[in-house]
Amino acid sequence: MTERSDPSQKAVAVTKSDSTSLLLNGQPPRAIYVAGTGNLNLKFGDAPPVLFTTVQAGSVLPVRPTLVMSTSTTATGIVALY
């Protein structure tokens, strides 16, 4: 069994969507990688989306979102790390 603090074991390219879940085997990713600078609109469960502005290229955000919203997301090369 892996712990939340263990390194990621899988990387999946993210297609921005207001409805397609990031859950893999019922779990959100451990982190999100952003290759191209821009805004990242993330949803966490049933909570309202949160807009991270001007996320820099090469950033790894230690967040566990359930969606990367297409609305207001301008960052590119987004990868979910599981």
PDB file of N, CA and C in Angstrom:
ATOM      1  N   MET A   1       0.836  -1.181   0.000  1.00  0.00           N
ATOM      2  CA  MET A   1       0.000   0.000   0.000  1.00  0.00           C
ATOM      3  C   MET A   1       0.880   1.243   0.000  1.00  0.00           C
ATOM      4  N   THR A   2       0.561   2.197  -0.853  1.00  0.00           N
ATOM      5  CA  THR A   2       1.351   3.417  -0.915  1.00  0.00           C
ATOM      6  C   THR A   2       0.777   4.470   0.024  1.00  0.00           C
ATOM      7  N   GLU A   3       1.646   5.283   0.547  1.00  0.00           N
ATOM      8  CA  GLU A   3       1.265   6.379   1.434  1.00  0.00           C
ATOM      9  C   GLU A   3       1.204   7.670   0.624  1.00  0.00           C
ATOM     10  N   ARG A   4       0.451   8.631   1.101  1.00  0.00           N
ATOM     11  CA  ARG A   4       0.313   9.912   0.395  1.00  0.00           C
ATOM     12  C   ARG A   4       1.651  10.628   0.225  1.00  0.00           C
ATOM     13  N   SER A   5       2.600  10.381   1.118  1.00  0.00           N
ATOM     14  CA  SER A   5       3.890  11.051   1.034  1.00  0.00           C
ATOM     15  C   SER A   5       4.872  10.330   0.108  1.00  0.00           C
ATOM     16  N   ASP A   6       4.521   9.142  -0.381  1.00  0.00           N
ATOM     17  CA  ASP A   6       5.380   8.418  -1.314  1.00  0.00           C
ATOM     18  C   ASP A   6       5.474   9.175  -2.635  1.00  0.00           C
ATOM     19  N   PRO A   7       6.569   9.003  -3.378  1.00  0.00           N
ATOM     20  CA  PRO A   7       6.666   9.642  -4.689  1.00  0.00           C
ATOM     21  C   PRO A   7       5.568   9.153  -5.627  1.00  0.00           C
ATOM     22  N   SER A   8       5.275   9.966  -6.610  1.00  0.00           N
ATOM     23  CA  SER A   8       4.272   9.587  -7.609  1.00  0.00           C
ATOM     24  C   SER A   8       4.752   8.363  -8.373  1.00  0.00           C
ATOM     25  N   GLN A   9       3.791   7.530  -8.783  1.00  0.00           N
ATOM     26  CA  GLN A   9       4.116   6.322  -9.523  1.00  0.00           C
ATOM     27  C   GLN A   9       3.524   6.323 -10.921  1.00  0.00           C
ATOM     28  N   LYS A  10       2.714   7.348 -11.221  1.00  0.00           N
ATOM     29  CA  LYS A  10       2.070   7.416 -12.521  1.00  0.00           C
ATOM     30  C   LYS A  10       1.842   8.876 -12.883  1.00  0.00           C
ATOM     31  N   ALA A  11       2.016   9.192 -14.161  1.00  0.00           N
ATOM     32  CA  ALA A  11       1.760  10.540 -14.664  1.00  0.00           C
ATOM     33  C   ALA A  11       0.784  10.441 -15.825  1.00  0.00           C
ATOM     34  N   VAL A  12      -0.246  11.287 -15.796  1.00  0.00           N
ATOM     35  CA  VAL A  12      -1.276  11.252 -16.823  1.00  0.00           C
ATOM     36  C   VAL A  12      -1.511  12.671 -17.339  1.00  0.00           C
ATOM     37  N   ALA A  13      -1.408  12.850 -18.658  1.00  0.00           N
ATOM     38  CA  ALA A  13      -1.709  14.154 -19.252  1.00  0.00           C
ATOM     39  C   ALA A  13      -3.161  14.507 -18.979  1.00  0.00           C
ATOM     40  N   VAL A  14      -3.400  15.754 -18.610  1.00  0.00           N
ATOM     41  CA  VAL A  14      -4.739  16.213 -18.251  1.00  0.00           C
ATOM     42  C   VAL A  14      -5.365  16.970 -19.413  1.00  0.00           C
ATOM     43  N   THR A  15      -6.586  16.604 -19.742  1.00  0.00           N
ATOM     44  CA  THR A  15      -7.401  17.383 -20.664  1.00  0.00           C
ATOM     45  C   THR A  15      -8.327  18.232 -19.806  1.00  0.00           C
ATOM     46  N   LYS A  16      -8.196  19.562 -19.938  1.00  0.00           N
ATOM     47  CA  LYS A  16      -9.035  20.468 -19.149  1.00  0.00           C
ATOM     48  C   LYS A  16     -10.506  20.179 -19.449  1.00  0.00           C
ATOM     49  N   SER A  17     -11.307  20.056 -18.384  1.00  0.00           N
ATOM     50  CA  SER A  17     -12.728  19.746 -18.547  1.00  0.00           C
ATOM     51  C   SER A  17     -13.486  20.191 -17.303  1.00  0.00           C
ATOM     52  N   ASP A  18     -14.678  20.730 -17.514  1.00  0.00           N
ATOM     53  CA  ASP A  18     -15.522  21.119 -16.386  1.00  0.00           C
ATOM     54  C   ASP A  18     -16.305  19.940 -15.829  1.00  0.00           C
ATOM     55  N   SER A  19     -16.113  18.742 -16.411  1.00  0.00           N
ATOM     56  CA  SER A  19     -16.889  17.593 -15.940  1.00  0.00           C
ATOM     57  C   SER A  19     -16.111  16.276 -15.832  1.00  0.00           C
ATOM     58  N   THR A  20     -14.948  16.152 -16.464  1.00  0.00           N
ATOM     59  CA  THR A  20     -14.199  14.891 -16.438  1.00  0.00           C
ATOM     60  C   THR A  20     -13.329  14.811 -15.192  1.00  0.00           C
ATOM     61  N   SER A  21     -13.603  13.828 -14.359  1.00  0.00           N
ATOM     62  CA  SER A  21     -12.922  13.664 -13.076  1.00  0.00           C
ATOM     63  C   SER A  21     -11.467  13.226 -13.241  1.00  0.00           C
ATOM     64  N   LEU A  22     -10.628  13.669 -12.316  1.00  0.00           N
ATOM     65  CA  LEU A  22      -9.227  13.232 -12.266  1.00  0.00           C
ATOM     66  C   LEU A  22      -9.040  12.002 -11.389  1.00  0.00           C
ATOM     67  N   LEU A  23     -10.097  11.529 -10.759  1.00  0.00           N
ATOM     68  CA  LEU A  23      -9.975  10.387  -9.845  1.00  0.00           C
ATOM     69  C   LEU A  23      -9.470   9.153 -10.592  1.00  0.00           C
ATOM     70  N   LEU A  24      -8.519   8.483  -9.993  1.00  0.00           N
ATOM     71  CA  LEU A  24      -7.964   7.238 -10.528  1.00  0.00           C
ATOM     72  C   LEU A  24      -8.081   6.208  -9.416  1.00  0.00           C
ATOM     73  N   ASN A  25      -8.839   5.169  -9.649  1.00  0.00           N
ATOM     74  CA  ASN A  25      -9.130   4.177  -8.605  1.00  0.00           C
ATOM     75  C   ASN A  25      -9.707   4.861  -7.365  1.00  0.00           C
ATOM     76  N   GLY A  26     -10.531   5.884  -7.600  1.00  0.00           N
ATOM     77  CA  GLY A  26     -11.205   6.579  -6.510  1.00  0.00           C
ATOM     78  C   GLY A  26     -10.367   7.604  -5.781  1.00  0.00           C
ATOM     79  N   GLN A  27      -9.130   7.822  -6.228  1.00  0.00           N
ATOM     80  CA  GLN A  27      -8.228   8.760  -5.544  1.00  0.00           C
ATOM     81  C   GLN A  27      -7.840   9.919  -6.463  1.00  0.00           C
ATOM     82  N   PRO A  28      -7.751  11.142  -5.917  1.00  0.00           N
ATOM     83  CA  PRO A  28      -7.261  12.264  -6.715  1.00  0.00           C
ATOM     84  C   PRO A  28      -5.741  12.161  -6.877  1.00  0.00           C
ATOM     85  N   PRO A  29      -5.175  12.915  -7.803  1.00  0.00           N
ATOM     86  CA  PRO A  29      -3.717  12.893  -7.959  1.00  0.00           C
ATOM     87  C   PRO A  29      -3.018  13.421  -6.705  1.00  0.00           C
ATOM     88  N   ARG A  30      -1.743  13.093  -6.568  1.00  0.00           N
ATOM     89  CA  ARG A  30      -0.933  13.584  -5.444  1.00  0.00           C
ATOM     90  C   ARG A  30      -0.470  15.014  -5.687  1.00  0.00           C
ATOM     91  N   ALA A  31      -0.356  15.382  -6.968  1.00  0.00           N
ATOM     92  CA  ALA A  31       0.136  16.710  -7.329  1.00  0.00           C
ATOM     93  C   ALA A  31      -0.225  16.989  -8.788  1.00  0.00           C
ATOM     94  N   ILE A  32      -0.073  18.251  -9.173  1.00  0.00           N
ATOM     95  CA  ILE A  32      -0.302  18.687 -10.546  1.00  0.00           C
ATOM     96  C   ILE A  32       0.958  19.386 -11.046  1.00  0.00           C
ATOM     97  N   TYR A  33       1.443  18.975 -12.219  1.00  0.00           N
ATOM     98  CA  TYR A  33       2.583  19.610 -12.878  1.00  0.00           C
ATOM     99  C   TYR A  33       2.057  20.516 -13.979  1.00  0.00           C
ATOM    100  N   VAL A  34       2.656  21.707 -14.112  1.00  0.00           N
ATOM    101  CA  VAL A  34       2.269  22.664 -15.144  1.00  0.00           C
ATOM    102  C   VAL A  34       3.500  22.983 -15.998  1.00  0.00           C
ATOM    103  N   ALA A  35       3.439  22.690 -17.291  1.00  0.00           N
ATOM    104  CA  ALA A  35       4.572  22.932 -18.187  1.00  0.00           C
ATOM    105  C   ALA A  35       4.587  24.365 -18.728  1.00  0.00           C
ATOM    106  N   GLY A  36       3.400  24.939 -18.945  1.00  0.00           N
ATOM    107  CA  GLY A  36       3.319  26.279 -19.529  1.00  0.00           C
ATOM    108  C   GLY A  36       2.600  27.250 -18.607  1.00  0.00           C
ATOM    109  N   THR A  37       3.218  28.390 -18.340  1.00  0.00           N
ATOM    110  CA  THR A  37       2.682  29.400 -17.434  1.00  0.00           C
ATOM    111  C   THR A  37       1.246  29.781 -17.777  1.00  0.00           C
ATOM    112  N   GLY A  38       0.441  29.945 -16.741  1.00  0.00           N
ATOM    113  CA  GLY A  38      -0.939  30.392 -16.922  1.00  0.00           C
ATOM    114  C   GLY A  38      -1.755  30.171 -15.675  1.00  0.00           C
ATOM    115  N   ASN A  39      -3.051  30.412 -15.789  1.00  0.00           N
ATOM    116  CA  ASN A  39      -3.976  30.209 -14.671  1.00  0.00           C
ATOM    117  C   ASN A  39      -4.439  28.764 -14.627  1.00  0.00           C
ATOM    118  N   LEU A  40      -4.716  28.297 -13.426  1.00  0.00           N
ATOM    119  CA  LEU A  40      -5.154  26.921 -13.218  1.00  0.00           C
ATOM    120  C   LEU A  40      -6.387  26.969 -12.320  1.00  0.00           C
ATOM    121  N   ASN A  41      -7.526  26.563 -12.859  1.00  0.00           N
ATOM    122  CA  ASN A  41      -8.786  26.574 -12.122  1.00  0.00           C
ATOM    123  C   ASN A  41      -9.084  25.149 -11.665  1.00  0.00           C
ATOM    124  N   LEU A  42      -8.962  24.905 -10.362  1.00  0.00           N
ATOM    125  CA  LEU A  42      -9.079  23.552  -9.809  1.00  0.00           C
ATOM    126  C   LEU A  42     -10.314  23.419  -8.940  1.00  0.00           C
ATOM    127  N   LYS A  43     -10.906  22.243  -8.989  1.00  0.00           N
ATOM    128  CA  LYS A  43     -12.061  21.931  -8.144  1.00  0.00           C
ATOM    129  C   LYS A  43     -11.667  20.802  -7.204  1.00  0.00           C
ATOM    130  N   PHE A  44     -12.055  20.948  -5.944  1.00  0.00           N
ATOM    131  CA  PHE A  44     -11.750  19.974  -4.903  1.00  0.00           C
ATOM    132  C   PHE A  44     -13.066  19.436  -4.356  1.00  0.00           C
ATOM    133  N   GLY A  45     -13.445  18.235  -4.774  1.00  0.00           N
ATOM    134  CA  GLY A  45     -14.694  17.645  -4.308  1.00  0.00           C
ATOM    135  C   GLY A  45     -15.891  18.510  -4.647  1.00  0.00           C
ATOM    136  N   ASP A  46     -16.757  18.736  -3.657  1.00  0.00           N
ATOM    137  CA  ASP A  46     -17.968  19.521  -3.868  1.00  0.00           C
ATOM    138  C   ASP A  46     -17.761  21.016  -3.644  1.00  0.00           C
ATOM    139  N   ALA A  47     -16.559  21.421  -3.249  1.00  0.00           N
ATOM    140  CA  ALA A  47     -16.277  22.835  -2.991  1.00  0.00           C
ATOM    141  C   ALA A  47     -16.239  23.622  -4.309  1.00  0.00           C
ATOM    142  N   PRO A  48     -16.474  24.931  -4.241  1.00  0.00           N
ATOM    143  CA  PRO A  48     -16.368  25.746  -5.454  1.00  0.00           C
ATOM    144  C   PRO A  48     -14.935  25.713  -6.009  1.00  0.00           C
ATOM    145  N   PRO A  49     -14.765  25.918  -7.315  1.00  0.00           N
ATOM    146  CA  PRO A  49     -13.422  25.931  -7.897  1.00  0.00           C
ATOM    147  C   PRO A  49     -12.553  27.034  -7.291  1.00  0.00           C
ATOM    148  N   VAL A  50     -11.229  26.805  -7.327  1.00  0.00           N
ATOM    149  CA  VAL A  50     -10.255  27.780  -6.843  1.00  0.00           C
ATOM    150  C   VAL A  50      -9.337  28.120  -8.010  1.00  0.00           C
ATOM    151  N   LEU A  51      -9.175  29.418  -8.286  1.00  0.00           N
ATOM    152  CA  LEU A  51      -8.327  29.855  -9.395  1.00  0.00           C
ATOM    153  C   LEU A  51      -6.935  30.199  -8.886  1.00  0.00           C
ATOM    154  N   PHE A  52      -5.939  29.443  -9.342  1.00  0.00           N
ATOM    155  CA  PHE A  52      -4.533  29.733  -9.061  1.00  0.00           C
ATOM    156  C   PHE A  52      -4.036  30.578 -10.233  1.00  0.00           C
ATOM    157  N   THR A  53      -3.631  31.800  -9.978  1.00  0.00           N
ATOM    158  CA  THR A  53      -3.254  32.702 -11.068  1.00  0.00           C
ATOM    159  C   THR A  53      -1.747  32.703 -11.292  1.00  0.00           C
ATOM    160  N   THR A  54      -1.379  32.846 -12.546  1.00  0.00           N
ATOM    161  CA  THR A  54       0.015  32.960 -12.982  1.00  0.00           C
ATOM    162  C   THR A  54       0.890  31.849 -12.413  1.00  0.00           C
ATOM    163  N   VAL A  55       0.448  30.613 -12.558  1.00  0.00           N
ATOM    164  CA  VAL A  55       1.268  29.469 -12.157  1.00  0.00           C
ATOM    165  C   VAL A  55       2.424  29.376 -13.153  1.00  0.00           C
ATOM    166  N   GLN A  56       3.625  29.362 -12.647  1.00  0.00           N
ATOM    167  CA  GLN A  56       4.815  29.407 -13.501  1.00  0.00           C
ATOM    168  C   GLN A  56       5.123  28.049 -14.144  1.00  0.00           C
ATOM    169  N   ALA A  57       5.666  28.110 -15.339  1.00  0.00           N
ATOM    170  CA  ALA A  57       6.088  26.896 -16.049  1.00  0.00           C
ATOM    171  C   ALA A  57       7.046  26.092 -15.185  1.00  0.00           C
ATOM    172  N   GLY A  58       6.843  24.791 -15.158  1.00  0.00           N
ATOM    173  CA  GLY A  58       7.697  23.904 -14.379  1.00  0.00           C
ATOM    174  C   GLY A  58       7.242  23.713 -12.945  1.00  0.00           C
ATOM    175  N   SER A  59       6.125  24.332 -12.574  1.00  0.00           N
ATOM    176  CA  SER A  59       5.622  24.219 -11.200  1.00  0.00           C
ATOM    177  C   SER A  59       5.003  22.847 -10.942  1.00  0.00           C
ATOM    178  N   VAL A  60       5.223  22.349  -9.735  1.00  0.00           N
ATOM    179  CA  VAL A  60       4.527  21.167  -9.245  1.00  0.00           C
ATOM    180  C   VAL A  60       3.746  21.623  -8.018  1.00  0.00           C
ATOM    181  N   LEU A  61       2.420  21.562  -8.127  1.00  0.00           N
ATOM    182  CA  LEU A  61       1.567  21.986  -7.019  1.00  0.00           C
ATOM    183  C   LEU A  61       1.153  20.768  -6.204  1.00  0.00           C
ATOM    184  N   PRO A  62       1.458  20.754  -4.907  1.00  0.00           N
ATOM    185  CA  PRO A  62       1.101  19.614  -4.057  1.00  0.00           C
ATOM    186  C   PRO A  62      -0.364  19.692  -3.627  1.00  0.00           C
ATOM    187  N   VAL A  63      -1.251  19.581  -4.606  1.00  0.00           N
ATOM    188  CA  VAL A  63      -2.695  19.662  -4.366  1.00  0.00           C
ATOM    189  C   VAL A  63      -3.368  18.407  -4.897  1.00  0.00           C
ATOM    190  N   ARG A  64      -4.571  18.115  -4.401  1.00  0.00           N
ATOM    191  CA  ARG A  64      -5.281  16.880  -4.773  1.00  0.00           C
ATOM    192  C   ARG A  64      -6.667  17.213  -5.332  1.00  0.00           C
ATOM    193  N   PRO A  65      -6.712  17.865  -6.504  1.00  0.00           N
ATOM    194  CA  PRO A  65      -7.999  18.264  -7.071  1.00  0.00           C
ATOM    195  C   PRO A  65      -8.741  17.092  -7.715  1.00  0.00           C
ATOM    196  N   THR A  66     -10.048  17.272  -7.857  1.00  0.00           N
ATOM    197  CA  THR A  66     -10.859  16.277  -8.549  1.00  0.00           C
ATOM    198  C   THR A  66     -11.115  16.671  -9.999  1.00  0.00           C
ATOM    199  N   LEU A  67     -10.944  17.969 -10.324  1.00  0.00           N
ATOM    200  CA  LEU A  67     -11.114  18.460 -11.698  1.00  0.00           C
ATOM    201  C   LEU A  67     -10.110  19.552 -11.986  1.00  0.00           C
ATOM    202  N   VAL A  68      -9.627  19.610 -13.230  1.00  0.00           N
ATOM    203  CA  VAL A  68      -8.953  20.797 -13.759  1.00  0.00           C
ATOM    204  C   VAL A  68      -9.968  21.404 -14.718  1.00  0.00           C
ATOM    205  N   MET A  69     -10.567  22.492 -14.294  1.00  0.00           N
ATOM    206  CA  MET A  69     -11.651  23.108 -15.046  1.00  0.00           C
ATOM    207  C   MET A  69     -11.119  23.722 -16.352  1.00  0.00           C
ATOM    208  N   SER A  70     -11.889  23.577 -17.430  1.00  0.00           N
ATOM    209  CA  SER A  70     -11.507  24.237 -18.679  1.00  0.00           C
ATOM    210  C   SER A  70     -11.807  25.732 -18.585  1.00  0.00           C
ATOM    211  N   THR A  71     -12.861  26.073 -17.849  1.00  0.00           N
ATOM    212  CA  THR A  71     -13.209  27.472 -17.642  1.00  0.00           C
ATOM    213  C   THR A  71     -12.107  28.168 -16.855  1.00  0.00           C
ATOM    214  N   SER A  72     -11.544  29.220 -17.408  1.00  0.00           N
ATOM    215  CA  SER A  72     -10.523  30.073 -16.780  1.00  0.00           C
ATOM    216  C   SER A  72      -9.137  29.455 -16.672  1.00  0.00           C
ATOM    217  N   THR A  73      -8.938  28.209 -17.117  1.00  0.00           N
ATOM    218  CA  THR A  73      -7.597  27.617 -17.096  1.00  0.00           C
ATOM    219  C   THR A  73      -6.875  27.962 -18.389  1.00  0.00           C
ATOM    220  N   THR A  74      -5.740  28.649 -18.242  1.00  0.00           N
ATOM    221  CA  THR A  74      -4.935  29.037 -19.404  1.00  0.00           C
ATOM    222  C   THR A  74      -3.568  28.351 -19.408  1.00  0.00           C
ATOM    223  N   ALA A  75      -3.204  27.709 -18.300  1.00  0.00           N
ATOM    224  CA  ALA A  75      -1.937  26.978 -18.229  1.00  0.00           C
ATOM    225  C   ALA A  75      -1.969  25.828 -19.234  1.00  0.00           C
ATOM    226  N   THR A  76      -0.799  25.414 -19.689  1.00  0.00           N
ATOM    227  CA  THR A  76      -0.698  24.332 -20.676  1.00  0.00           C
ATOM    228  C   THR A  76       0.223  23.233 -20.154  1.00  0.00           C
ATOM    229  N   GLY A  77       0.151  22.083 -20.835  1.00  0.00           N
ATOM    230  CA  GLY A  77       1.017  20.969 -20.464  1.00  0.00           C
ATOM    231  C   GLY A  77       0.765  20.490 -19.050  1.00  0.00           C
ATOM    232  N   ILE A  78      -0.497  20.346 -18.694  1.00  0.00           N
ATOM    233  CA  ILE A  78      -0.873  19.954 -17.337  1.00  0.00           C
ATOM    234  C   ILE A  78      -0.816  18.430 -17.204  1.00  0.00           C
ATOM    235  N   VAL A  79      -0.172  17.968 -16.135  1.00  0.00           N
ATOM    236  CA  VAL A  79      -0.008  16.534 -15.892  1.00  0.00           C
ATOM    237  C   VAL A  79      -0.423  16.225 -14.454  1.00  0.00           C
ATOM    238  N   ALA A  80      -1.267  15.208 -14.305  1.00  0.00           N
ATOM    239  CA  ALA A  80      -1.651  14.734 -12.973  1.00  0.00           C
ATOM    240  C   ALA A  80      -0.649  13.666 -12.536  1.00  0.00           C
ATOM    241  N   LEU A  81      -0.130  13.801 -11.329  1.00  0.00           N
ATOM    242  CA  LEU A  81       0.848  12.854 -10.781  1.00  0.00           C
ATOM    243  C   LEU A  81       0.165  12.015  -9.700  1.00  0.00           C
ATOM    244  N   TYR A  82       0.150  10.704  -9.895  1.00  0.00           N
ATOM    245  CA  TYR A  82      -0.516   9.786  -8.956  1.00  0.00           C
ATOM    246  C   TYR A  82       0.486   8.955  -8.207  1.00  0.00           C
TER     247      TYR A  82
END
